[in-house]
C-alpha cells in the first residue's frame, strides 16, 4: 500500500479504526507572545503564528479556518496567546517545532480552559477533572449553536472558574464546547 504523506493523519485514524482502537486525542498547550503572523496559503486562510515563550523558545502553529478561537479575539503581533494542539497528530521534524492549532486563547481570560477527551462519566482522559453539569452550563458547538446530544465520550473544550481540591478536581463549568477534529 502506498501512503500519501499529505493525508498521513487520515491514514493513521483509519488504521486505528480498522484495529478497533478508540481514537482519543491527547492535548497540550503552549503560551507565549505572538512574534509573527504569515500566510501559507494563496487565499490567506491558513496562517503561521510564531510564539516566543517566556523561556526564549519559539514554537510555530499552523492556524486553519477550523481552529477555534475560544474568546473570539483577533490575534495580532505582540499579544499574548495560548495555542492548543493534538499531540497524536503527525508533525514535521523541523525547528522550531510546528503544530496544528486546534484552539487558541488570545490575551487573558477570566476562566480556566481544559481541552481533553471526556469519558461517559465526564472524567477527563488524564483523570484530573470531573464535570458536574447544571442548568446554567452553556453547551454549544464550535459554530455557537446549542448542543442537545450526549456529552460523554467526546473531545471537549471546558471553560470554568473554580474547582474542588479533590482528586480528580470537580467543577461545574460555565461553558462546554464540542470540539471537532481539524482533519
C-alpha atoms as a PDB file:
ATOM      1  CA  UNK A   1       0.000   0.000   0.000  1.00  0.00           C
ATOM      2  CA  UNK A   2       1.322   3.424  -0.937  1.00  0.00           C
ATOM      3  CA  UNK A   3       0.752   6.179   1.623  1.00  0.00           C
ATOM      4  CA  UNK A   4       0.092   9.770   0.595  1.00  0.00           C
ATOM      5  CA  UNK A   5       2.047  11.691   3.234  1.00  0.00           C
ATOM      6  CA  UNK A   6      -0.235  14.713   2.804  1.00  0.00           C
ATOM      7  CA  UNK A   7      -3.037  12.580   4.266  1.00  0.00           C
ATOM      8  CA  UNK A   8      -0.966  10.763   6.900  1.00  0.00           C
ATOM      9  CA  UNK A   9      -3.282  11.869   9.731  1.00  0.00           C
ATOM     10  CA  UNK A  10      -6.308  10.395   7.908  1.00  0.00           C
ATOM     11  CA  UNK A  11      -4.384   7.184   7.272  1.00  0.00           C
ATOM     12  CA  UNK A  12      -3.449   6.858  10.949  1.00  0.00           C
ATOM     13  CA  UNK A  13      -7.043   7.417  12.081  1.00  0.00           C
ATOM     14  CA  UNK A  14      -8.379   4.869   9.566  1.00  0.00           C
ATOM     15  CA  UNK A  15      -5.749   2.336  10.675  1.00  0.00           C
ATOM     16  CA  UNK A  16      -6.759   2.835  14.307  1.00  0.00           C
ATOM     17  CA  UNK A  17     -10.454   2.431  13.446  1.00  0.00           C
ATOM     18  CA  UNK A  18      -9.676  -0.753  11.486  1.00  0.00           C
ATOM     19  CA  UNK A  19      -7.970  -2.209  14.549  1.00  0.00           C
ATOM     20  CA  UNK A  20     -10.887  -1.115  16.818  1.00  0.00           C
ATOM     21  CA  UNK A  21      -8.597   1.190  18.767  1.00  0.00           C
ATOM     22  CA  UNK A  22     -10.617   4.121  20.136  1.00  0.00           C
ATOM     23  CA  UNK A  23      -9.206   7.397  18.871  1.00  0.00           C
ATOM     24  CA  UNK A  24      -8.670   9.744  21.788  1.00  0.00           C
ATOM     25  CA  UNK A  25      -6.544  12.802  21.302  1.00  0.00           C
ATOM     26  CA  UNK A  26      -4.079  13.994  23.898  1.00  0.00           C
ATOM     27  CA  UNK A  27      -3.920  17.768  24.069  1.00  0.00           C
ATOM     28  CA  UNK A  28      -1.128  20.111  25.097  1.00  0.00           C
ATOM     29  CA  UNK A  29      -0.700  23.873  25.060  1.00  0.00           C
ATOM     30  CA  UNK A  30       1.989  26.484  24.560  1.00  0.00           C
ATOM     31  CA  UNK A  31       1.739  30.038  25.898  1.00  0.00           C
ATOM     32  CA  UNK A  32       3.766  32.985  24.722  1.00  0.00           C
ATOM     33  CA  UNK A  33       3.875  36.251  22.808  1.00  0.00           C
ATOM     34  CA  UNK A  34       2.969  36.310  19.121  1.00  0.00           C
ATOM     35  CA  UNK A  35       6.077  37.471  17.241  1.00  0.00           C
ATOM     36  CA  UNK A  36       4.981  36.870  13.641  1.00  0.00           C
ATOM     37  CA  UNK A  37       1.865  36.036  11.622  1.00  0.00           C
ATOM     38  CA  UNK A  38       2.224  34.966   7.996  1.00  0.00           C
ATOM     39  CA  UNK A  39       0.047  33.347   5.360  1.00  0.00           C
ATOM     40  CA  UNK A  40       0.932  29.917   3.979  1.00  0.00           C
ATOM     41  CA  UNK A  41      -1.919  29.584   1.502  1.00  0.00           C
ATOM     42  CA  UNK A  42      -2.692  31.612  -1.602  1.00  0.00           C
ATOM     43  CA  UNK A  43      -6.089  32.662  -0.278  1.00  0.00           C
ATOM     44  CA  UNK A  44      -4.719  33.572   3.166  1.00  0.00           C
ATOM     45  CA  UNK A  45      -6.974  31.146   5.036  1.00  0.00           C
ATOM     46  CA  UNK A  46      -4.098  29.126   6.520  1.00  0.00           C
ATOM     47  CA  UNK A  47      -1.648  31.113   8.625  1.00  0.00           C
ATOM     48  CA  UNK A  48       1.521  30.513  10.629  1.00  0.00           C
ATOM     49  CA  UNK A  49       1.737  32.040  14.100  1.00  0.00           C
ATOM     50  CA  UNK A  50       5.143  32.224  15.783  1.00  0.00           C
ATOM     51  CA  UNK A  51       5.092  32.286  19.584  1.00  0.00           C
ATOM     52  CA  UNK A  52       8.014  33.198  21.806  1.00  0.00           C
ATOM     53  CA  UNK A  53       7.701  31.593  25.211  1.00  0.00           C
ATOM     54  CA  UNK A  54       8.994  33.161  28.431  1.00  0.00           C
ATOM     55  CA  UNK A  55      11.932  30.685  28.384  1.00  0.00           C
ATOM     56  CA  UNK A  56      13.000  32.096  24.984  1.00  0.00           C
ATOM     57  CA  UNK A  57      11.927  29.108  22.883  1.00  0.00           C
ATOM     58  CA  UNK A  58       9.982  29.692  19.689  1.00  0.00           C
ATOM     59  CA  UNK A  59       7.094  27.499  18.582  1.00  0.00           C
ATOM     60  CA  UNK A  60       5.134  27.813  15.339  1.00  0.00           C
ATOM     61  CA  UNK A  61       1.440  26.980  14.967  1.00  0.00           C
ATOM     62  CA  UNK A  62      -0.440  26.403  11.747  1.00  0.00           C
ATOM     63  CA  UNK A  63      -3.838  28.049  12.139  1.00  0.00           C
ATOM     64  CA  UNK A  64      -6.613  26.702   9.918  1.00  0.00           C
ATOM     65  CA  UNK A  65     -10.111  28.122   9.312  1.00  0.00           C
ATOM     66  CA  UNK A  66     -11.346  25.339  11.659  1.00  0.00           C
ATOM     67  CA  UNK A  67      -9.057  26.460  14.530  1.00  0.00           C
ATOM     68  CA  UNK A  68     -11.372  27.590  17.326  1.00  0.00           C
ATOM     69  CA  UNK A  69     -10.525  30.940  18.960  1.00  0.00           C
ATOM     70  CA  UNK A  70     -12.085  30.444  22.376  1.00  0.00           C
ATOM     71  CA  UNK A  71     -12.571  34.075  23.328  1.00  0.00           C
ATOM     72  CA  UNK A  72     -13.096  35.324  19.764  1.00  0.00           C
ATOM     73  CA  UNK A  73     -10.338  37.965  19.923  1.00  0.00           C
ATOM     74  CA  UNK A  74      -8.378  38.888  16.828  1.00  0.00           C
ATOM     75  CA  UNK A  75      -4.743  37.864  17.209  1.00  0.00           C
ATOM     76  CA  UNK A  76      -2.037  40.421  16.464  1.00  0.00           C
ATOM     77  CA  UNK A  77       1.747  40.545  16.772  1.00  0.00           C
ATOM     78  CA  UNK A  78       2.782  41.474  20.327  1.00  0.00           C
ATOM     79  CA  UNK A  79      -0.262  39.906  22.012  1.00  0.00           C
ATOM     80  CA  UNK A  80      -0.011  37.012  24.453  1.00  0.00           C
ATOM     81  CA  UNK A  81      -1.740  33.812  23.387  1.00  0.00           C
ATOM     82  CA  UNK A  82      -2.142  30.179  24.317  1.00  0.00           C
ATOM     83  CA  UNK A  83      -2.373  27.666  21.480  1.00  0.00           C
ATOM     84  CA  UNK A  84      -3.676  24.133  21.985  1.00  0.00           C
ATOM     85  CA  UNK A  85      -2.674  21.202  19.791  1.00  0.00           C
ATOM     86  CA  UNK A  86      -3.299  17.475  19.456  1.00  0.00           C
ATOM     87  CA  UNK A  87      -0.128  15.571  20.361  1.00  0.00           C
ATOM     88  CA  UNK A  88      -1.303  12.495  18.442  1.00  0.00           C
ATOM     89  CA  UNK A  89      -1.166  14.257  15.058  1.00  0.00           C
ATOM     90  CA  UNK A  90       1.989  13.864  12.983  1.00  0.00           C
ATOM     91  CA  UNK A  91       4.318  16.888  12.923  1.00  0.00           C
ATOM     92  CA  UNK A  92       7.181  17.799  10.596  1.00  0.00           C
ATOM     93  CA  UNK A  93      10.637  17.248  12.052  1.00  0.00           C
ATOM     94  CA  UNK A  94      11.771  20.864  11.845  1.00  0.00           C
ATOM     95  CA  UNK A  95      12.958  23.542  14.218  1.00  0.00           C
ATOM     96  CA  UNK A  96      11.237  25.489  15.580  1.00  0.00           C
ATOM     97  CA  UNK A  97       8.523  22.882  16.090  1.00  0.00           C
ATOM     98  CA  UNK A  98       5.310  23.396  14.112  1.00  0.00           C
ATOM     99  CA  UNK A  99       1.978  22.140  15.406  1.00  0.00           C
ATOM    100  CA  UNK A 100      -1.554  22.285  14.010  1.00  0.00           C
ATOM    101  CA  UNK A 101      -3.529  24.589  16.319  1.00  0.00           C
ATOM    102  CA  UNK A 102      -6.919  23.162  17.262  1.00  0.00           C
ATOM    103  CA  UNK A 103      -7.833  26.051  19.562  1.00  0.00           C
ATOM    104  CA  UNK A 104      -6.395  29.301  20.877  1.00  0.00           C
ATOM    105  CA  UNK A 105      -6.938  31.912  23.554  1.00  0.00           C
ATOM    106  CA  UNK A 106      -5.715  35.419  22.738  1.00  0.00           C
ATOM    107  CA  UNK A 107      -4.935  37.630  25.736  1.00  0.00           C
ATOM    108  CA  UNK A 108      -6.167  36.867  29.225  1.00  0.00           C
ATOM    109  CA  UNK A 109      -9.472  35.195  30.036  1.00  0.00           C
ATOM    110  CA  UNK A 110     -11.396  35.149  33.337  1.00  0.00           C
ATOM    111  CA  UNK A 111     -11.666  31.354  33.401  1.00  0.00           C
ATOM    112  CA  UNK A 112      -9.661  28.160  33.264  1.00  0.00           C
ATOM    113  CA  UNK A 113      -9.554  26.229  29.992  1.00  0.00           C
ATOM    114  CA  UNK A 114      -9.366  22.429  29.803  1.00  0.00           C
ATOM    115  CA  UNK A 115      -9.286  20.650  26.455  1.00  0.00           C
ATOM    116  CA  UNK A 116      -9.447  16.884  26.693  1.00  0.00           C
ATOM    117  CA  UNK A 117     -11.356  13.733  25.879  1.00  0.00           C
ATOM    118  CA  UNK A 118     -14.094  13.163  28.485  1.00  0.00           C
ATOM    119  CA  UNK A 119     -15.490   9.666  29.046  1.00  0.00           C
ATOM    120  CA  UNK A 120     -19.121   8.633  29.643  1.00  0.00           C
ATOM    121  CA  UNK A 121     -18.798   9.769  33.293  1.00  0.00           C
ATOM    122  CA  UNK A 122     -17.434  13.166  32.166  1.00  0.00           C
ATOM    123  CA  UNK A 123     -13.977  12.416  33.582  1.00  0.00           C
ATOM    124  CA  UNK A 124     -11.079  13.823  31.579  1.00  0.00           C
ATOM    125  CA  UNK A 125      -8.725  11.364  29.897  1.00  0.00           C
ATOM    126  CA  UNK A 126      -5.852  12.457  32.122  1.00  0.00           C
ATOM    127  CA  UNK A 127      -8.044  11.896  35.199  1.00  0.00           C
ATOM    128  CA  UNK A 128      -7.570  15.434  36.505  1.00  0.00           C
ATOM    129  CA  UNK A 129     -11.078  16.917  36.053  1.00  0.00           C
ATOM    130  CA  UNK A 130     -14.630  15.652  36.541  1.00  0.00           C
ATOM    131  CA  UNK A 131     -17.527  17.704  35.161  1.00  0.00           C
ATOM    132  CA  UNK A 132     -20.740  18.316  37.084  1.00  0.00           C
ATOM    133  CA  UNK A 133     -23.393  19.838  34.849  1.00  0.00           C
ATOM    134  CA  UNK A 134     -26.033  22.354  35.889  1.00  0.00           C
ATOM    135  CA  UNK A 135     -28.911  24.083  34.112  1.00  0.00           C
ATOM    136  CA  UNK A 136     -26.661  27.157  33.790  1.00  0.00           C
ATOM    137  CA  UNK A 137     -23.925  25.274  31.910  1.00  0.00           C
ATOM    138  CA  UNK A 138     -23.891  26.553  28.329  1.00  0.00           C
ATOM    139  CA  UNK A 139     -23.201  23.599  25.982  1.00  0.00           C
ATOM    140  CA  UNK A 140     -22.513  24.627  22.390  1.00  0.00           C
ATOM    141  CA  UNK A 141     -20.977  23.552  19.110  1.00  0.00           C
ATOM    142  CA  UNK A 142     -17.958  25.386  17.696  1.00  0.00           C
ATOM    143  CA  UNK A 143     -20.298  27.439  15.484  1.00  0.00           C
ATOM    144  CA  UNK A 144     -22.148  28.756  18.564  1.00  0.00           C
ATOM    145  CA  UNK A 145     -25.285  26.650  18.142  1.00  0.00           C
ATOM    146  CA  UNK A 146     -26.762  24.787  21.116  1.00  0.00           C
ATOM    147  CA  UNK A 147     -25.753  21.160  21.555  1.00  0.00           C
ATOM    148  CA  UNK A 148     -28.507  18.775  22.633  1.00  0.00           C
ATOM    149  CA  UNK A 149     -26.726  15.413  22.415  1.00  0.00           C
ATOM    150  CA  UNK A 150     -24.819  13.333  24.950  1.00  0.00           C
ATOM    151  CA  UNK A 151     -21.592  14.916  26.219  1.00  0.00           C
ATOM    152  CA  UNK A 152     -19.737  11.741  27.193  1.00  0.00           C
ATOM    153  CA  UNK A 153     -17.066  10.096  25.035  1.00  0.00           C
ATOM    154  CA  UNK A 154     -16.127  13.289  23.227  1.00  0.00           C
ATOM    155  CA  UNK A 155     -13.346  15.830  22.964  1.00  0.00           C
ATOM    156  CA  UNK A 156     -14.477  18.957  24.804  1.00  0.00           C
ATOM    157  CA  UNK A 157     -13.308  22.491  25.496  1.00  0.00           C
ATOM    158  CA  UNK A 158     -14.328  23.242  29.081  1.00  0.00           C
ATOM    159  CA  UNK A 159     -14.404  26.781  30.483  1.00  0.00           C
ATOM    160  CA  UNK A 160     -14.702  27.044  34.269  1.00  0.00           C
ATOM    161  CA  UNK A 161     -13.806  29.448  37.073  1.00  0.00           C
ATOM    162  CA  UNK A 162     -13.398  27.232  40.124  1.00  0.00           C
ATOM    163  CA  UNK A 163     -12.904  23.606  41.058  1.00  0.00           C
ATOM    164  CA  UNK A 164     -12.589  21.476  44.161  1.00  0.00           C
ATOM    165  CA  UNK A 165      -9.206  20.449  45.551  1.00  0.00           C
ATOM    166  CA  UNK A 166     -10.136  16.779  45.344  1.00  0.00           C
ATOM    167  CA  UNK A 167      -8.536  14.208  43.068  1.00  0.00           C
ATOM    168  CA  UNK A 168      -9.910  14.433  40.480  1.00  0.00           C
ATOM    169  CA  UNK A 169     -10.895  18.065  40.784  1.00  0.00           C
ATOM    170  CA  UNK A 170     -14.600  18.655  40.212  1.00  0.00           C
ATOM    171  CA  UNK A 171     -16.133  21.658  38.527  1.00  0.00           C
ATOM    172  CA  UNK A 172     -19.440  22.948  37.268  1.00  0.00           C
ATOM    173  CA  UNK A 173     -18.369  24.598  34.014  1.00  0.00           C
ATOM    174  CA  UNK A 174     -19.779  27.843  32.665  1.00  0.00           C
ATOM    175  CA  UNK A 175     -19.377  26.692  29.055  1.00  0.00           C
ATOM    176  CA  UNK A 176     -18.613  23.446  27.246  1.00  0.00           C
ATOM    177  CA  UNK A 177     -17.757  23.496  23.537  1.00  0.00           C
ATOM    178  CA  UNK A 178     -17.909  20.292  21.497  1.00  0.00           C
ATOM    179  CA  UNK A 179     -14.526  20.008  19.776  1.00  0.00           C
ATOM    180  CA  UNK A 180     -14.424  18.606  16.264  1.00  0.00           C
ATOM    181  CA  UNK A 181     -11.159  17.359  14.733  1.00  0.00           C
ATOM    182  CA  UNK A 182      -9.239  19.592  12.310  1.00  0.00           C
ATOM    183  CA  UNK A 183      -8.870  16.871   9.716  1.00  0.00           C
END
